[in-house]
Amino acid sequence: MKETDLYPHVKALLVAQGYDVKAEIGAADVVALRPGEDEPVIVELKTGFALTLFHQAVARQAMTDFVYVAVPRLPGKRFLRALKDNKTLCRRLGLGLITVRLSDGHTEIHLDPAPYAPRKVKARKSRLLREFARREGDPNLGGAARSGPLVTAYRQDAVKIALHLRRHGASKCAEIRAVTGVTTATRIMADDHYGWFERVTRGVYQLTPRGTEAMGNGEDTEL
């Protein structure tokens, strides 16, 4: 597969929309211009999604707002996932996106260039700020999300509760809340996300063997 395999199909798509099309004009792979207009359309061709493709396309935006990237459309779910992710990237960069199915020459415009203004999600921002405020210290390393469990504010609260139970044995929820300062202690123990807590009687909890083992393995050092 070569980039030149894409060109006849991309050219045919643009010609059908009334453009005159020429290849390799300056640094651009494809340039299209309607008669009487002076705003060109530029298409950058690549045999697959790559960082260099987006670098080139962004550089072409210095010449026109109408810049597309074009790649072959491949079969399978893996390509569909890549298409979805890179469509989002193109939208954020203000680029258009074209795919070409080389088996029959079918071209599809998935996205036209347009200015992008990120839509803020207030609920996500609120969760972010709430976690930031509740997190004690800075117990994690940046970039470590995939290397193991992170210490969250929720986990820190669970550790406080577990340490109290390790030291004092089965305790009432009201006592745990008062001593640890964890206002959501009852819910944390009832949910038992880590398998550390078990209900003895109404309003009274103790550590499970798993919780005892976790506290014995130094979970308290995370505080």
Protein backbone atom coordinates (compact mmCIF):
# COMPACT_ATOMS: atom_id res chain seq x y z
CA MET A 1 0.00 0.00 0.00
CA LYS A 2 1.27 3.46 -0.93
CA GLU A 3 -0.02 6.98 -0.35
CA THR A 4 -0.35 7.34 -4.12
CA ASP A 5 -3.00 4.58 -4.05
CA LEU A 6 -5.30 7.00 -2.23
CA TYR A 7 -4.89 9.90 -4.61
CA PRO A 8 -7.18 8.89 -7.54
CA HIS A 9 -10.08 8.24 -5.17
CA VAL A 10 -9.62 11.44 -3.18
CA LYS A 11 -9.30 13.39 -6.42
CA ALA A 12 -12.50 11.84 -7.78
CA LEU A 13 -14.34 12.79 -4.58
CA LEU A 14 -13.28 16.42 -4.86
CA VAL A 15 -13.84 16.67 -8.60
CA ALA A 16 -17.40 15.43 -8.07
CA GLN A 17 -17.89 18.42 -5.74
CA GLY A 18 -16.80 20.91 -8.39
CA TYR A 19 -13.13 21.30 -7.54
CA ASP A 20 -10.10 21.43 -9.79
CA VAL A 21 -7.57 19.11 -8.18
CA LYS A 22 -3.79 18.92 -8.45
CA ALA A 23 -1.23 16.86 -6.54
CA GLU A 24 2.04 17.84 -4.86
CA ILE A 25 1.64 21.60 -4.89
CA GLY A 26 4.37 22.94 -2.64
CA ALA A 27 4.36 20.92 0.58
CA ALA A 28 0.74 19.80 0.19
CA ASP A 29 -0.16 16.32 -1.06
CA VAL A 30 -3.44 17.39 -2.64
CA VAL A 31 -4.79 20.87 -3.39
CA ALA A 32 -8.33 21.51 -4.62
CA LEU A 33 -9.78 24.82 -5.74
CA ARG A 34 -13.17 25.76 -7.15
CA PRO A 35 -13.11 28.06 -10.19
CA GLY A 36 -13.41 31.70 -9.16
CA GLU A 37 -12.56 31.01 -5.50
CA ASP A 38 -9.29 31.65 -3.66
CA GLU A 39 -9.73 29.42 -0.57
CA PRO A 40 -8.06 26.06 -1.28
CA VAL A 41 -8.82 22.69 0.21
CA ILE A 42 -5.73 20.70 1.21
CA VAL A 43 -5.67 16.96 1.83
CA GLU A 44 -2.74 15.15 3.42
CA LEU A 45 -2.45 11.46 2.51
CA LYS A 46 -1.04 8.69 4.70
CA THR A 47 -1.25 4.90 4.71
CA GLY A 48 -2.41 5.01 8.34
CA PHE A 49 -2.96 7.28 11.31
CA ALA A 50 0.38 8.64 12.52
CA LEU A 51 1.68 11.61 14.45
CA THR A 52 3.50 12.89 11.37
CA LEU A 53 0.17 13.02 9.51
CA PHE A 54 -1.29 15.37 12.10
CA HIS A 55 1.90 17.43 12.24
CA GLN A 56 1.71 17.95 8.47
CA ALA A 57 -1.99 18.72 8.49
CA VAL A 58 -1.65 21.29 11.27
CA ALA A 59 1.19 22.94 9.37
CA ARG A 60 -1.09 23.27 6.30
CA GLN A 61 -3.59 25.24 8.40
CA ALA A 62 -1.22 28.18 7.97
CA MET A 63 -2.45 28.30 4.35
CA THR A 64 -6.16 27.47 4.68
CA ASP A 65 -8.83 26.54 7.21
CA PHE A 66 -9.93 23.64 5.00
CA VAL A 67 -7.45 20.87 5.69
CA TYR A 68 -8.30 17.15 5.61
CA VAL A 69 -6.37 14.00 6.39
CA ALA A 70 -7.06 10.88 4.31
CA VAL A 71 -6.20 7.28 5.22
CA PRO A 72 -7.20 3.84 3.92
CA ARG A 73 -10.24 2.29 5.55
CA LEU A 74 -9.31 -1.11 6.91
CA PRO A 75 -11.57 -3.97 8.04
CA GLY A 76 -11.99 -4.94 11.68
CA LYS A 77 -12.82 -3.51 15.06
CA ARG A 78 -9.28 -2.31 15.69
CA PHE A 79 -9.50 0.16 12.84
CA LEU A 80 -12.97 1.29 13.95
CA ARG A 81 -11.57 2.11 17.39
CA ALA A 82 -8.68 3.99 15.81
CA LEU A 83 -11.11 5.82 13.54
CA LYS A 84 -13.22 6.91 16.49
CA ASP A 85 -10.23 8.11 18.52
CA ASN A 86 -8.62 9.95 15.61
CA LYS A 87 -11.91 11.52 14.59
CA THR A 88 -12.03 13.05 18.07
CA LEU A 89 -8.45 14.26 17.63
CA CYS A 90 -9.25 15.76 14.22
CA ARG A 91 -12.24 17.58 15.67
CA ARG A 92 -10.08 19.11 18.38
CA LEU A 93 -7.45 20.16 15.82
CA GLY A 94 -10.01 21.62 13.43
CA LEU A 95 -9.18 19.08 10.71
CA GLY A 96 -11.39 17.09 8.37
CA LEU A 97 -11.15 13.33 8.01
CA ILE A 98 -11.57 11.13 4.89
CA THR A 99 -11.23 7.38 4.55
CA VAL A 100 -10.74 5.43 1.32
CA ARG A 101 -11.71 1.77 0.93
CA LEU A 102 -9.15 0.65 -1.59
CA SER A 103 -10.98 -2.57 -2.46
CA ASP A 104 -13.66 -0.62 -4.34
CA GLY A 105 -12.53 3.02 -4.15
CA HIS A 106 -15.35 4.09 -1.84
CA THR A 107 -14.50 7.37 -0.09
CA GLU A 108 -16.23 8.75 2.97
CA ILE A 109 -15.96 12.15 4.63
CA HIS A 110 -16.28 11.48 8.35
CA LEU A 111 -15.63 15.04 9.47
CA ASP A 112 -15.35 18.49 7.94
CA PRO A 113 -12.92 21.09 9.31
CA ALA A 114 -14.48 23.43 11.86
CA PRO A 115 -13.36 25.52 14.83
CA TYR A 116 -13.41 23.52 18.04
CA ALA A 117 -14.58 24.76 21.43
CA PRO A 118 -14.32 22.08 24.14
CA ARG A 119 -17.58 21.40 25.94
CA LYS A 120 -16.97 21.60 29.65
CA VAL A 121 -18.71 18.99 31.81
CA LYS A 122 -19.38 20.61 35.17
CA ALA A 123 -19.95 17.29 36.94
CA ARG A 124 -16.50 16.04 35.93
CA LYS A 125 -14.88 19.27 37.04
CA SER A 126 -16.69 19.05 40.38
CA ARG A 127 -15.51 15.47 40.92
CA LEU A 128 -11.95 16.51 40.07
CA LEU A 129 -11.93 19.42 42.51
CA ARG A 130 -13.65 17.36 45.23
CA GLU A 131 -11.05 14.59 44.97
CA PHE A 132 -8.24 17.16 44.97
CA ALA A 133 -9.58 18.78 48.14
CA ARG A 134 -10.12 15.47 49.96
CA ARG A 135 -6.80 13.86 49.00
CA GLU A 136 -4.32 14.10 51.88
CA GLY A 137 -0.81 14.89 50.73
CA ASP A 138 0.45 13.68 47.35
CA PRO A 139 0.79 9.88 47.72
CA ASN A 140 0.95 8.94 44.02
CA LEU A 141 3.51 9.39 41.25
CA GLY A 142 2.31 11.22 38.14
CA GLY A 143 1.92 8.82 35.21
CA ALA A 144 1.55 5.75 37.45
CA ALA A 145 -2.14 5.07 36.76
CA ARG A 146 -1.41 1.82 34.89
CA SER A 147 1.28 0.48 37.21
CA GLY A 148 -0.90 -0.37 40.20
CA PRO A 149 -3.74 0.78 42.47
CA LEU A 150 -3.78 4.50 43.16
CA VAL A 151 -4.25 6.07 46.56
CA THR A 152 -7.51 7.98 46.33
CA ALA A 153 -9.26 10.04 48.98
CA TYR A 154 -11.76 7.17 49.29
CA ARG A 155 -8.92 4.70 49.94
CA GLN A 156 -7.33 7.03 52.47
CA ASP A 157 -10.64 7.19 54.35
CA ALA A 158 -10.99 3.41 54.22
CA VAL A 159 -7.48 3.01 55.63
CA LYS A 160 -8.28 5.38 58.50
CA ILE A 161 -11.32 3.28 59.38
CA ALA A 162 -9.41 0.01 59.07
CA LEU A 163 -6.59 1.28 61.29
CA HIS A 164 -9.10 2.29 63.94
CA LEU A 165 -10.68 -1.17 63.84
CA ARG A 166 -7.27 -2.86 63.99
CA ARG A 167 -6.41 -0.91 67.12
CA HIS A 168 -9.78 -1.01 68.89
CA GLY A 169 -11.60 -4.04 67.50
CA ALA A 170 -15.28 -4.04 66.60
CA SER A 171 -16.63 -0.49 66.94
CA LYS A 172 -19.81 1.49 66.50
CA CYS A 173 -20.16 3.61 63.38
CA ALA A 174 -20.71 6.77 65.40
CA GLU A 175 -17.47 6.17 67.32
CA ILE A 176 -15.54 5.53 64.11
CA ARG A 177 -16.87 8.72 62.52
CA ALA A 178 -15.99 10.78 65.59
CA VAL A 179 -12.46 9.44 66.01
CA THR A 180 -11.40 9.24 62.33
CA GLY A 181 -13.26 12.28 61.05
CA VAL A 182 -14.56 10.22 58.12
CA THR A 183 -18.15 11.37 57.78
CA THR A 184 -18.94 8.65 55.22
CA ALA A 185 -17.55 5.83 57.38
CA THR A 186 -20.82 3.90 57.55
CA ARG A 187 -21.26 3.91 53.78
CA ILE A 188 -17.63 2.93 53.18
CA MET A 189 -17.89 -0.04 55.54
CA ALA A 190 -21.28 -1.08 54.17
CA ASP A 191 -20.07 -0.91 50.56
CA ASP A 192 -16.89 -2.80 51.55
CA HIS A 193 -15.15 -2.04 48.27
CA TYR A 194 -11.84 -3.58 49.38
CA GLY A 195 -13.24 -6.52 51.33
CA TRP A 196 -11.87 -5.14 54.62
CA PHE A 197 -15.05 -4.69 56.67
CA GLU A 198 -17.84 -6.89 57.99
CA ARG A 199 -20.96 -6.05 59.96
CA VAL A 200 -21.14 -7.60 63.41
CA THR A 201 -24.50 -6.21 64.50
CA ARG A 202 -26.51 -3.20 63.51
CA GLY A 203 -24.21 -0.17 63.50
CA VAL A 204 -21.13 -2.16 64.52
CA TYR A 205 -18.30 -3.26 62.20
CA GLN A 206 -15.00 -5.11 62.49
CA LEU A 207 -12.10 -6.00 60.19
CA THR A 208 -12.22 -9.07 57.99
CA PRO A 209 -9.15 -11.33 57.78
CA ARG A 210 -8.38 -9.62 54.49
CA GLY A 211 -8.58 -6.22 56.15
CA THR A 212 -6.33 -7.34 58.99
CA GLU A 213 -3.80 -8.64 56.49
CA ALA A 214 -3.91 -5.40 54.48
CA MET A 215 -3.28 -3.29 57.56
CA GLY A 216 -0.52 -5.63 58.61
CA ASN A 217 1.13 -5.17 55.20
CA GLY A 218 1.66 -1.48 55.74
CA GLU A 219 -1.46 0.10 54.27
CA ASP A 220 -1.13 2.76 56.99
CA THR A 221 2.02 4.08 55.27
CA GLU A 222 -0.23 5.44 52.51
CA LEU A 223 -1.68 8.09 54.82
